[in-house]
Amino acid sequence: MNTPQENPKNVITLDMISQQKAEKLEEIRASKKRIVDNARQIFHPTETLNSANTLMNNFSSGMVIFNGVLTGFKIIKRIRSFFKKK
């Protein structure tokens, strides 16, 4: 009868699997480190020594927060208008 023949090139062992797992885990860790470093560079506030720059940065941050809240209220108002009975 026909018996399946194993191809020695396609044999996967537990050692190979554990080695690949370790390599992929190391890749994931390196990727995570790059992502964290990039996020820190993007979102980390720059250090300013001048008090005028500090004041302007605080004002700018406040305006961004105010704009976000105002936009949120507009979105909520618009969504509520879809569900109002006429």
PDB file of N, CA and C in Angstrom:
ATOM      1  N   MET A   1       0.827  -1.172   0.000  1.00  0.00           N
ATOM      2  CA  MET A   1       0.000   0.000   0.000  1.00  0.00           C
ATOM      3  C   MET A   1       0.874   1.240   0.000  1.00  0.00           C
ATOM      4  N   ASN A   2       0.208   2.333  -0.272  1.00  0.00           N
ATOM      5  CA  ASN A   2       0.932   3.594  -0.314  1.00  0.00           C
ATOM      6  C   ASN A   2       1.168   4.102   1.105  1.00  0.00           C
ATOM      7  N   THR A   3       2.396   4.310   1.425  1.00  0.00           N
ATOM      8  CA  THR A   3       2.722   4.871   2.738  1.00  0.00           C
ATOM      9  C   THR A   3       3.253   6.281   2.528  1.00  0.00           C
ATOM     10  N   PRO A   4       2.824   7.207   3.356  1.00  0.00           N
ATOM     11  CA  PRO A   4       3.324   8.575   3.184  1.00  0.00           C
ATOM     12  C   PRO A   4       4.807   8.638   3.493  1.00  0.00           C
ATOM     13  N   GLN A   5       5.536   9.273   2.630  1.00  0.00           N
ATOM     14  CA  GLN A   5       6.969   9.421   2.826  1.00  0.00           C
ATOM     15  C   GLN A   5       7.257  10.823   3.335  1.00  0.00           C
ATOM     16  N   GLU A   6       8.063  10.894   4.352  1.00  0.00           N
ATOM     17  CA  GLU A   6       8.396  12.193   4.923  1.00  0.00           C
ATOM     18  C   GLU A   6       9.575  12.788   4.170  1.00  0.00           C
ATOM     19  N   ASN A   7       9.471  14.047   3.901  1.00  0.00           N
ATOM     20  CA  ASN A   7      10.532  14.765   3.231  1.00  0.00           C
ATOM     21  C   ASN A   7      11.465  15.308   4.315  1.00  0.00           C
ATOM     22  N   PRO A   8      12.741  14.943   4.321  1.00  0.00           N
ATOM     23  CA  PRO A   8      13.628  15.385   5.398  1.00  0.00           C
ATOM     24  C   PRO A   8      13.847  16.897   5.418  1.00  0.00           C
ATOM     25  N   LYS A   9      13.566  17.578   4.318  1.00  0.00           N
ATOM     26  CA  LYS A   9      13.744  19.031   4.287  1.00  0.00           C
ATOM     27  C   LYS A   9      12.645  19.750   5.069  1.00  0.00           C
ATOM     28  N   ASN A  10      11.479  19.147   5.200  1.00  0.00           N
ATOM     29  CA  ASN A  10      10.338  19.799   5.831  1.00  0.00           C
ATOM     30  C   ASN A  10      10.071  19.316   7.255  1.00  0.00           C
ATOM     31  N   VAL A  11      11.032  18.673   7.866  1.00  0.00           N
ATOM     32  CA  VAL A  11      10.846  18.189   9.230  1.00  0.00           C
ATOM     33  C   VAL A  11      10.996  19.361  10.196  1.00  0.00           C
ATOM     34  N   ILE A  12       9.999  19.523  11.041  1.00  0.00           N
ATOM     35  CA  ILE A  12      10.025  20.584  12.042  1.00  0.00           C
ATOM     36  C   ILE A  12      10.142  19.932  13.408  1.00  0.00           C
ATOM     37  N   THR A  13      11.147  20.357  14.142  1.00  0.00           N
ATOM     38  CA  THR A  13      11.362  19.789  15.466  1.00  0.00           C
ATOM     39  C   THR A  13      10.974  20.807  16.531  1.00  0.00           C
ATOM     40  N   LEU A  14      10.857  20.321  17.751  1.00  0.00           N
ATOM     41  CA  LEU A  14      10.530  21.206  18.867  1.00  0.00           C
ATOM     42  C   LEU A  14      11.640  22.219  19.109  1.00  0.00           C
ATOM     43  N   ASP A  15      12.872  21.803  18.882  1.00  0.00           N
ATOM     44  CA  ASP A  15      13.992  22.732  19.045  1.00  0.00           C
ATOM     45  C   ASP A  15      13.900  23.881  18.045  1.00  0.00           C
ATOM     46  N   MET A  16      13.536  23.566  16.814  1.00  0.00           N
ATOM     47  CA  MET A  16      13.391  24.602  15.800  1.00  0.00           C
ATOM     48  C   MET A  16      12.270  25.568  16.174  1.00  0.00           C
ATOM     49  N   ILE A  17      11.172  25.020  16.678  1.00  0.00           N
ATOM     50  CA  ILE A  17      10.036  25.851  17.065  1.00  0.00           C
ATOM     51  C   ILE A  17      10.418  26.763  18.223  1.00  0.00           C
ATOM     52  N   SER A  18      11.105  26.214  19.209  1.00  0.00           N
ATOM     53  CA  SER A  18      11.492  27.044  20.356  1.00  0.00           C
ATOM     54  C   SER A  18      12.513  28.108  19.951  1.00  0.00           C
ATOM     55  N   GLN A  19      13.397  27.773  19.015  1.00  0.00           N
ATOM     56  CA  GLN A  19      14.372  28.746  18.532  1.00  0.00           C
ATOM     57  C   GLN A  19      13.666  29.873  17.770  1.00  0.00           C
ATOM     58  N   GLN A  20      12.717  29.519  16.899  1.00  0.00           N
ATOM     59  CA  GLN A  20      11.966  30.533  16.162  1.00  0.00           C
ATOM     60  C   GLN A  20      11.144  31.402  17.108  1.00  0.00           C
ATOM     61  N   LYS A  21      10.589  30.774  18.130  1.00  0.00           N
ATOM     62  CA  LYS A  21       9.807  31.519  19.117  1.00  0.00           C
ATOM     63  C   LYS A  21      10.686  32.544  19.831  1.00  0.00           C
ATOM     64  N   ALA A  22      11.888  32.126  20.212  1.00  0.00           N
ATOM     65  CA  ALA A  22      12.811  33.035  20.893  1.00  0.00           C
ATOM     66  C   ALA A  22      13.221  34.184  19.972  1.00  0.00           C
ATOM     67  N   GLU A  23      13.458  33.884  18.691  1.00  0.00           N
ATOM     68  CA  GLU A  23      13.821  34.931  17.732  1.00  0.00           C
ATOM     69  C   GLU A  23      12.686  35.930  17.547  1.00  0.00           C
ATOM     70  N   LYS A  24      11.472  35.442  17.409  1.00  0.00           N
ATOM     71  CA  LYS A  24      10.320  36.320  17.221  1.00  0.00           C
ATOM     72  C   LYS A  24      10.069  37.158  18.470  1.00  0.00           C
ATOM     73  N   LEU A  25      10.255  36.556  19.639  1.00  0.00           N
ATOM     74  CA  LEU A  25      10.085  37.294  20.882  1.00  0.00           C
ATOM     75  C   LEU A  25      11.099  38.424  20.982  1.00  0.00           C
ATOM     76  N   GLU A  26      12.314  38.155  20.567  1.00  0.00           N
ATOM     77  CA  GLU A  26      13.347  39.193  20.569  1.00  0.00           C
ATOM     78  C   GLU A  26      13.010  40.302  19.576  1.00  0.00           C
ATOM     79  N   GLU A  27      12.477  39.933  18.411  1.00  0.00           N
ATOM     80  CA  GLU A  27      12.050  40.929  17.432  1.00  0.00           C
ATOM     81  C   GLU A  27      10.933  41.802  17.993  1.00  0.00           C
ATOM     82  N   ILE A  28       9.986  41.176  18.693  1.00  0.00           N
ATOM     83  CA  ILE A  28       8.875  41.915  19.286  1.00  0.00           C
ATOM     84  C   ILE A  28       9.382  42.883  20.342  1.00  0.00           C
ATOM     85  N   ARG A  29      10.326  42.443  21.154  1.00  0.00           N
ATOM     86  CA  ARG A  29      10.881  43.314  22.187  1.00  0.00           C
ATOM     87  C   ARG A  29      11.620  44.503  21.569  1.00  0.00           C
ATOM     88  N   ALA A  30      12.386  44.248  20.516  1.00  0.00           N
ATOM     89  CA  ALA A  30      13.105  45.332  19.845  1.00  0.00           C
ATOM     90  C   ALA A  30      12.110  46.307  19.213  1.00  0.00           C
ATOM     91  N   SER A  31      11.048  45.782  18.636  1.00  0.00           N
ATOM     92  CA  SER A  31      10.017  46.609  18.021  1.00  0.00           C
ATOM     93  C   SER A  31       9.316  47.466  19.075  1.00  0.00           C
ATOM     94  N   LYS A  32       9.003  46.848  20.207  1.00  0.00           N
ATOM     95  CA  LYS A  32       8.349  47.580  21.293  1.00  0.00           C
ATOM     96  C   LYS A  32       9.246  48.710  21.791  1.00  0.00           C
ATOM     97  N   LYS A  33      10.543  48.439  21.895  1.00  0.00           N
ATOM     98  CA  LYS A  33      11.480  49.458  22.361  1.00  0.00           C
ATOM     99  C   LYS A  33      11.524  50.627  21.379  1.00  0.00           C
ATOM    100  N   ARG A  34      11.527  50.327  20.068  1.00  0.00           N
ATOM    101  CA  ARG A  34      11.527  51.396  19.063  1.00  0.00           C
ATOM    102  C   ARG A  34      10.251  52.224  19.141  1.00  0.00           C
ATOM    103  N   ILE A  35       9.116  51.553  19.332  1.00  0.00           N
ATOM    104  CA  ILE A  35       7.838  52.258  19.413  1.00  0.00           C
ATOM    105  C   ILE A  35       7.813  53.172  20.632  1.00  0.00           C
ATOM    106  N   VAL A  36       8.270  52.659  21.773  1.00  0.00           N
ATOM    107  CA  VAL A  36       8.282  53.463  22.997  1.00  0.00           C
ATOM    108  C   VAL A  36       9.217  54.659  22.839  1.00  0.00           C
ATOM    109  N   ASP A  37      10.378  54.447  22.244  1.00  0.00           N
ATOM    110  CA  ASP A  37      11.313  55.548  22.031  1.00  0.00           C
ATOM    111  C   ASP A  37      10.725  56.617  21.108  1.00  0.00           C
ATOM    112  N   ASN A  38      10.074  56.185  20.033  1.00  0.00           N
ATOM    113  CA  ASN A  38       9.451  57.138  19.114  1.00  0.00           C
ATOM    114  C   ASN A  38       8.323  57.910  19.796  1.00  0.00           C
ATOM    115  N   ALA A  39       7.520  57.215  20.600  1.00  0.00           N
ATOM    116  CA  ALA A  39       6.427  57.883  21.305  1.00  0.00           C
ATOM    117  C   ALA A  39       6.970  58.905  22.295  1.00  0.00           C
ATOM    118  N   ARG A  40       8.049  58.577  22.964  1.00  0.00           N
ATOM    119  CA  ARG A  40       8.651  59.530  23.904  1.00  0.00           C
ATOM    120  C   ARG A  40       9.165  60.758  23.176  1.00  0.00           C
ATOM    121  N   GLN A  41       9.769  60.564  22.011  1.00  0.00           N
ATOM    122  CA  GLN A  41      10.273  61.702  21.249  1.00  0.00           C
ATOM    123  C   GLN A  41       9.136  62.588  20.762  1.00  0.00           C
ATOM    124  N   ILE A  42       8.019  61.973  20.386  1.00  0.00           N
ATOM    125  CA  ILE A  42       6.896  62.742  19.850  1.00  0.00           C
ATOM    126  C   ILE A  42       6.160  63.487  20.959  1.00  0.00           C
ATOM    127  N   PHE A  43       5.859  62.806  22.070  1.00  0.00           N
ATOM    128  CA  PHE A  43       4.980  63.371  23.080  1.00  0.00           C
ATOM    129  C   PHE A  43       5.697  63.984  24.271  1.00  0.00           C
ATOM    130  N   HIS A  44       6.986  63.802  24.384  1.00  0.00           N
ATOM    131  CA  HIS A  44       7.693  64.360  25.528  1.00  0.00           C
ATOM    132  C   HIS A  44       7.785  65.869  25.364  1.00  0.00           C
ATOM    133  N   PRO A  45       7.346  66.596  26.382  1.00  0.00           N
ATOM    134  CA  PRO A  45       7.402  68.057  26.245  1.00  0.00           C
ATOM    135  C   PRO A  45       8.841  68.549  26.220  1.00  0.00           C
ATOM    136  N   THR A  46       9.072  69.527  25.387  1.00  0.00           N
ATOM    137  CA  THR A  46      10.417  70.087  25.318  1.00  0.00           C
ATOM    138  C   THR A  46      10.656  70.971  26.533  1.00  0.00           C
ATOM    139  N   GLU A  47      11.873  71.005  26.975  1.00  0.00           N
ATOM    140  CA  GLU A  47      12.200  71.804  28.143  1.00  0.00           C
ATOM    141  C   GLU A  47      12.524  73.222  27.693  1.00  0.00           C
ATOM    142  N   THR A  48      11.848  74.166  28.298  1.00  0.00           N
ATOM    143  CA  THR A  48      12.095  75.561  27.978  1.00  0.00           C
ATOM    144  C   THR A  48      12.649  76.253  29.213  1.00  0.00           C
ATOM    145  N   LEU A  49      13.577  77.140  28.994  1.00  0.00           N
ATOM    146  CA  LEU A  49      14.191  77.860  30.091  1.00  0.00           C
ATOM    147  C   LEU A  49      13.579  79.239  30.263  1.00  0.00           C
ATOM    148  N   ASN A  50      12.927  79.733  29.253  1.00  0.00           N
ATOM    149  CA  ASN A  50      12.372  81.075  29.281  1.00  0.00           C
ATOM    150  C   ASN A  50      10.945  81.029  29.842  1.00  0.00           C
ATOM    151  N   SER A  51      10.609  81.945  30.734  1.00  0.00           N
ATOM    152  CA  SER A  51       9.271  81.948  31.332  1.00  0.00           C
ATOM    153  C   SER A  51       8.211  82.334  30.309  1.00  0.00           C
ATOM    154  N   ALA A  52       8.562  83.152  29.321  1.00  0.00           N
ATOM    155  CA  ALA A  52       7.603  83.525  28.280  1.00  0.00           C
ATOM    156  C   ALA A  52       7.242  82.306  27.438  1.00  0.00           C
ATOM    157  N   ASN A  53       8.232  81.478  27.141  1.00  0.00           N
ATOM    158  CA  ASN A  53       7.950  80.251  26.381  1.00  0.00           C
ATOM    159  C   ASN A  53       7.076  79.312  27.195  1.00  0.00           C
ATOM    160  N   THR A  54       7.329  79.233  28.491  1.00  0.00           N
ATOM    161  CA  THR A  54       6.521  78.384  29.362  1.00  0.00           C
ATOM    162  C   THR A  54       5.079  78.872  29.372  1.00  0.00           C
ATOM    163  N   LEU A  55       4.897  80.194  29.476  1.00  0.00           N
ATOM    164  CA  LEU A  55       3.556  80.774  29.465  1.00  0.00           C
ATOM    165  C   LEU A  55       2.850  80.490  28.150  1.00  0.00           C
ATOM    166  N   MET A  56       3.536  80.639  27.035  1.00  0.00           N
ATOM    167  CA  MET A  56       2.931  80.384  25.729  1.00  0.00           C
ATOM    168  C   MET A  56       2.596  78.905  25.555  1.00  0.00           C
ATOM    169  N   ASN A  57       3.463  78.027  26.051  1.00  0.00           N
ATOM    170  CA  ASN A  57       3.169  76.590  25.974  1.00  0.00           C
ATOM    171  C   ASN A  57       1.932  76.248  26.790  1.00  0.00           C
ATOM    172  N   ASN A  58       1.807  76.833  27.977  1.00  0.00           N
ATOM    173  CA  ASN A  58       0.624  76.587  28.808  1.00  0.00           C
ATOM    174  C   ASN A  58      -0.629  77.130  28.134  1.00  0.00           C
ATOM    175  N   PHE A  59      -0.545  78.327  27.571  1.00  0.00           N
ATOM    176  CA  PHE A  59      -1.681  78.906  26.861  1.00  0.00           C
ATOM    177  C   PHE A  59      -2.073  78.034  25.673  1.00  0.00           C
ATOM    178  N   SER A  60      -1.085  77.580  24.930  1.00  0.00           N
ATOM    179  CA  SER A  60      -1.346  76.736  23.765  1.00  0.00           C
ATOM    180  C   SER A  60      -2.011  75.425  24.186  1.00  0.00           C
ATOM    181  N   SER A  61      -1.517  74.825  25.244  1.00  0.00           N
ATOM    182  CA  SER A  61      -2.118  73.579  25.740  1.00  0.00           C
ATOM    183  C   SER A  61      -3.555  73.818  26.176  1.00  0.00           C
ATOM    184  N   GLY A  62      -3.798  74.933  26.841  1.00  0.00           N
ATOM    185  CA  GLY A  62      -5.155  75.258  27.260  1.00  0.00           C
ATOM    186  C   GLY A  62      -6.088  75.437  26.082  1.00  0.00           C
ATOM    187  N   MET A  63      -5.619  76.086  25.041  1.00  0.00           N
ATOM    188  CA  MET A  63      -6.445  76.278  23.850  1.00  0.00           C
ATOM    189  C   MET A  63      -6.748  74.953  23.158  1.00  0.00           C
ATOM    190  N   VAL A  64      -5.785  74.058  23.150  1.00  0.00           N
ATOM    191  CA  VAL A  64      -6.006  72.740  22.545  1.00  0.00           C
ATOM    192  C   VAL A  64      -7.075  71.980  23.329  1.00  0.00           C
ATOM    193  N   ILE A  65      -6.990  72.037  24.646  1.00  0.00           N
ATOM    194  CA  ILE A  65      -7.985  71.355  25.478  1.00  0.00           C
ATOM    195  C   ILE A  65      -9.364  71.979  25.266  1.00  0.00           C
ATOM    196  N   PHE A  66      -9.430  73.314  25.268  1.00  0.00           N
ATOM    197  CA  PHE A  66     -10.701  74.011  25.041  1.00  0.00           C
ATOM    198  C   PHE A  66     -11.290  73.636  23.685  1.00  0.00           C
ATOM    199  N   ASN A  67     -10.464  73.608  22.661  1.00  0.00           N
ATOM    200  CA  ASN A  67     -10.930  73.255  21.311  1.00  0.00           C
ATOM    201  C   ASN A  67     -11.442  71.819  21.281  1.00  0.00           C
ATOM    202  N   GLY A  68     -10.763  70.921  21.986  1.00  0.00           N
ATOM    203  CA  GLY A  68     -11.209  69.531  22.034  1.00  0.00           C
ATOM    204  C   GLY A  68     -12.555  69.390  22.721  1.00  0.00           C
ATOM    205  N   VAL A  69     -12.737  70.105  23.833  1.00  0.00           N
ATOM    206  CA  VAL A  69     -14.012  70.046  24.552  1.00  0.00           C
ATOM    207  C   VAL A  69     -15.123  70.642  23.691  1.00  0.00           C
ATOM    208  N   LEU A  70     -14.863  71.770  23.058  1.00  0.00           N
ATOM    209  CA  LEU A  70     -15.863  72.406  22.200  1.00  0.00           C
ATOM    210  C   LEU A  70     -16.255  71.486  21.039  1.00  0.00           C
ATOM    211  N   THR A  71     -15.286  70.854  20.425  1.00  0.00           N
ATOM    212  CA  THR A  71     -15.564  69.912  19.332  1.00  0.00           C
ATOM    213  C   THR A  71     -16.376  68.724  19.836  1.00  0.00           C
ATOM    214  N   GLY A  72     -16.048  68.248  21.035  1.00  0.00           N
ATOM    215  CA  GLY A  72     -16.801  67.143  21.623  1.00  0.00           C
ATOM    216  C   GLY A  72     -18.254  67.496  21.834  1.00  0.00           C
ATOM    217  N   PHE A  73     -18.519  68.708  22.342  1.00  0.00           N
ATOM    218  CA  PHE A  73     -19.897  69.142  22.538  1.00  0.00           C
ATOM    219  C   PHE A  73     -20.638  69.248  21.204  1.00  0.00           C
ATOM    220  N   LYS A  74     -19.957  69.740  20.187  1.00  0.00           N
ATOM    221  CA  LYS A  74     -20.595  69.844  18.872  1.00  0.00           C
ATOM    222  C   LYS A  74     -20.951  68.471  18.323  1.00  0.00           C
ATOM    223  N   ILE A  75     -20.058  67.510  18.519  1.00  0.00           N
ATOM    224  CA  ILE A  75     -20.327  66.146  18.035  1.00  0.00           C
ATOM    225  C   ILE A  75     -21.505  65.543  18.790  1.00  0.00           C
ATOM    226  N   ILE A  76     -21.534  65.722  20.117  1.00  0.00           N
ATOM    227  CA  ILE A  76     -22.639  65.184  20.913  1.00  0.00           C
ATOM    228  C   ILE A  76     -23.958  65.820  20.485  1.00  0.00           C
ATOM    229  N   LYS A  77     -23.961  67.143  20.261  1.00  0.00           N
ATOM    230  CA  LYS A  77     -25.174  67.844  19.830  1.00  0.00           C
ATOM    231  C   LYS A  77     -25.650  67.304  18.486  1.00  0.00           C
ATOM    232  N   ARG A  78     -24.717  67.059  17.595  1.00  0.00           N
ATOM    233  CA  ARG A  78     -25.075  66.547  16.268  1.00  0.00           C
ATOM    234  C   ARG A  78     -25.652  65.132  16.353  1.00  0.00           C
ATOM    235  N   ILE A  79     -25.048  64.301  17.194  1.00  0.00           N
ATOM    236  CA  ILE A  79     -25.536  62.917  17.343  1.00  0.00           C
ATOM    237  C   ILE A  79     -26.922  62.922  17.974  1.00  0.00           C
ATOM    238  N   ARG A  80     -27.138  63.787  18.980  1.00  0.00           N
ATOM    239  CA  ARG A  80     -28.457  63.856  19.618  1.00  0.00           C
ATOM    240  C   ARG A  80     -29.522  64.321  18.635  1.00  0.00           C
ATOM    241  N   SER A  81     -29.140  65.178  17.697  1.00  0.00           N
ATOM    242  CA  SER A  81     -30.126  65.672  16.735  1.00  0.00           C
ATOM    243  C   SER A  81     -30.629  64.544  15.825  1.00  0.00           C
ATOM    244  N   PHE A  82     -29.867  63.514  15.632  1.00  0.00           N
ATOM    245  CA  PHE A  82     -30.307  62.382  14.807  1.00  0.00           C
ATOM    246  C   PHE A  82     -31.393  61.583  15.512  1.00  0.00           C
ATOM    247  N   PHE A  83     -31.374  61.568  16.845  1.00  0.00           N
ATOM    248  CA  PHE A  83     -32.302  60.732  17.603  1.00  0.00           C
ATOM    249  C   PHE A  83     -33.507  61.509  18.153  1.00  0.00           C
ATOM    250  N   LYS A  84     -33.586  62.804  17.908  1.00  0.00           N
ATOM    251  CA  LYS A  84     -34.722  63.593  18.371  1.00  0.00           C
ATOM    252  C   LYS A  84     -35.956  63.277  17.537  1.00  0.00           C
ATOM    253  N   LYS A  85     -37.088  63.273  18.228  1.00  0.00           N
ATOM    254  CA  LYS A  85     -38.351  63.099  17.508  1.00  0.00           C
ATOM    255  C   LYS A  85     -38.775  64.436  16.935  1.00  0.00           C
ATOM    256  N   LYS A  86     -39.310  64.404  15.752  1.00  0.00           N
ATOM    257  CA  LYS A  86     -39.703  65.651  15.091  1.00  0.00           C
ATOM    258  C   LYS A  86     -41.180  65.893  15.216  1.00  0.00           C
TER     259      LYS A  86
END
